[in-house]
């Protein structure tokens, strides 16, 4: 399993429009084979941040997603000022509780 996590830096006035402009891409990505979770969400504490969280079944699924970005729905709205994203290779998981 892979987790892709990080954040985008946006102008505080653009945070809501940034997320709204990516709903079509989030919706399409969630239908892709191997996509277990995909969300961009406004940070409720810091208006300059939009959080990215993705969970993929395996590297091949993530690679297929990245290869297909040219054909994916295009994001609209304001562009980010920057971003920081990391990929985590997960070797196992367990239920909480």
Protein backbone atom coordinates (compact mmCIF):
# COMPACT_ATOMS: atom_id res chain seq x y z
CA UNK A 1 0.00 0.00 0.00
CA UNK A 2 1.09 3.57 -0.66
CA UNK A 3 0.07 6.74 1.11
CA UNK A 4 0.61 10.07 -0.61
CA UNK A 5 0.24 12.96 1.81
CA UNK A 6 1.11 16.61 2.01
CA UNK A 7 -0.28 20.05 1.47
CA UNK A 8 -0.67 22.83 -1.06
CA UNK A 9 0.05 26.45 -0.14
CA UNK A 10 -2.67 28.85 -1.29
CA UNK A 11 -3.68 32.44 -0.76
CA UNK A 12 -6.17 32.40 2.14
CA UNK A 13 -8.77 34.12 -0.05
CA UNK A 14 -8.40 31.27 -2.59
CA UNK A 15 -8.62 28.25 -0.27
CA UNK A 16 -12.31 27.48 -0.90
CA UNK A 17 -12.06 28.03 -4.66
CA UNK A 18 -8.91 25.90 -4.85
CA UNK A 19 -10.70 22.90 -3.29
CA UNK A 20 -13.89 23.46 -5.32
CA UNK A 21 -11.86 23.57 -8.53
CA UNK A 22 -10.53 20.09 -7.86
CA UNK A 23 -13.78 18.25 -7.05
CA UNK A 24 -14.12 16.79 -10.57
CA UNK A 25 -10.55 15.45 -10.45
CA UNK A 26 -11.11 14.00 -6.95
CA UNK A 27 -14.34 12.33 -8.08
CA UNK A 28 -12.69 10.80 -11.17
CA UNK A 29 -9.62 9.63 -9.25
CA UNK A 30 -11.77 7.82 -6.68
CA UNK A 31 -13.11 5.58 -9.48
CA UNK A 32 -9.64 4.44 -10.57
CA UNK A 33 -8.55 0.87 -9.92
CA UNK A 34 -6.54 0.65 -6.73
CA UNK A 35 -7.59 4.04 -5.36
CA UNK A 36 -8.63 3.50 -1.75
CA UNK A 37 -8.83 7.15 -0.70
CA UNK A 38 -8.28 10.50 -2.42
CA UNK A 39 -9.09 13.87 -0.92
CA UNK A 40 -8.02 17.49 -0.92
CA UNK A 41 -9.44 19.33 2.04
CA UNK A 42 -9.22 22.85 3.41
CA UNK A 43 -7.14 23.00 6.59
CA UNK A 44 -9.58 24.29 9.24
CA UNK A 45 -6.77 25.88 11.27
CA UNK A 46 -4.55 27.40 8.56
CA UNK A 47 -6.27 29.10 5.61
CA UNK A 48 -3.03 29.00 3.59
CA UNK A 49 -3.08 25.18 3.43
CA UNK A 50 -5.07 22.55 1.54
CA UNK A 51 -4.35 19.02 2.75
CA UNK A 52 -3.79 16.18 0.26
CA UNK A 53 -4.32 12.57 1.33
CA UNK A 54 -4.24 9.59 -1.02
CA UNK A 55 -4.20 5.87 -0.28
CA UNK A 56 -3.42 3.40 -3.08
CA UNK A 57 -3.58 -0.41 -3.04
CA UNK A 58 -0.13 -0.71 -4.63
CA UNK A 59 2.58 1.03 -6.63
CA UNK A 60 1.16 -0.17 -9.95
CA UNK A 61 -2.19 1.50 -9.23
CA UNK A 62 -0.48 4.76 -8.33
CA UNK A 63 1.74 4.55 -11.42
CA UNK A 64 -1.35 4.06 -13.62
CA UNK A 65 -2.96 7.09 -11.97
CA UNK A 66 0.08 9.25 -12.63
CA UNK A 67 0.35 8.01 -16.24
CA UNK A 68 -3.29 8.91 -16.84
CA UNK A 69 -3.14 12.47 -15.53
CA UNK A 70 -2.97 13.92 -19.04
CA UNK A 71 -6.42 12.46 -19.75
CA UNK A 72 -7.91 13.26 -16.32
CA UNK A 73 -10.40 16.07 -15.66
CA UNK A 74 -8.52 19.34 -15.44
CA UNK A 75 -8.47 21.31 -12.23
CA UNK A 76 -9.93 24.78 -12.35
CA UNK A 77 -9.62 27.77 -10.09
CA UNK A 78 -6.55 29.31 -8.53
CA UNK A 79 -3.15 27.69 -8.76
CA UNK A 80 -1.23 26.86 -5.60
CA UNK A 81 1.68 29.02 -4.53
CA UNK A 82 3.62 25.89 -3.60
CA UNK A 83 3.28 22.39 -2.26
CA UNK A 84 5.00 19.67 -0.25
CA UNK A 85 4.00 16.06 -0.90
CA UNK A 86 5.63 12.80 0.23
CA UNK A 87 5.02 9.16 -0.74
CA UNK A 88 5.02 6.56 2.03
CA UNK A 89 5.43 2.84 1.33
CA UNK A 90 3.32 0.94 3.86
CA UNK A 91 4.19 -2.65 4.67
CA UNK A 92 1.19 -3.42 6.85
CA UNK A 93 -1.90 -2.12 8.58
CA UNK A 94 -4.09 -2.92 11.58
CA UNK A 95 -7.52 -1.86 12.73
CA UNK A 96 -7.87 0.86 15.32
CA UNK A 97 -9.65 -0.11 18.51
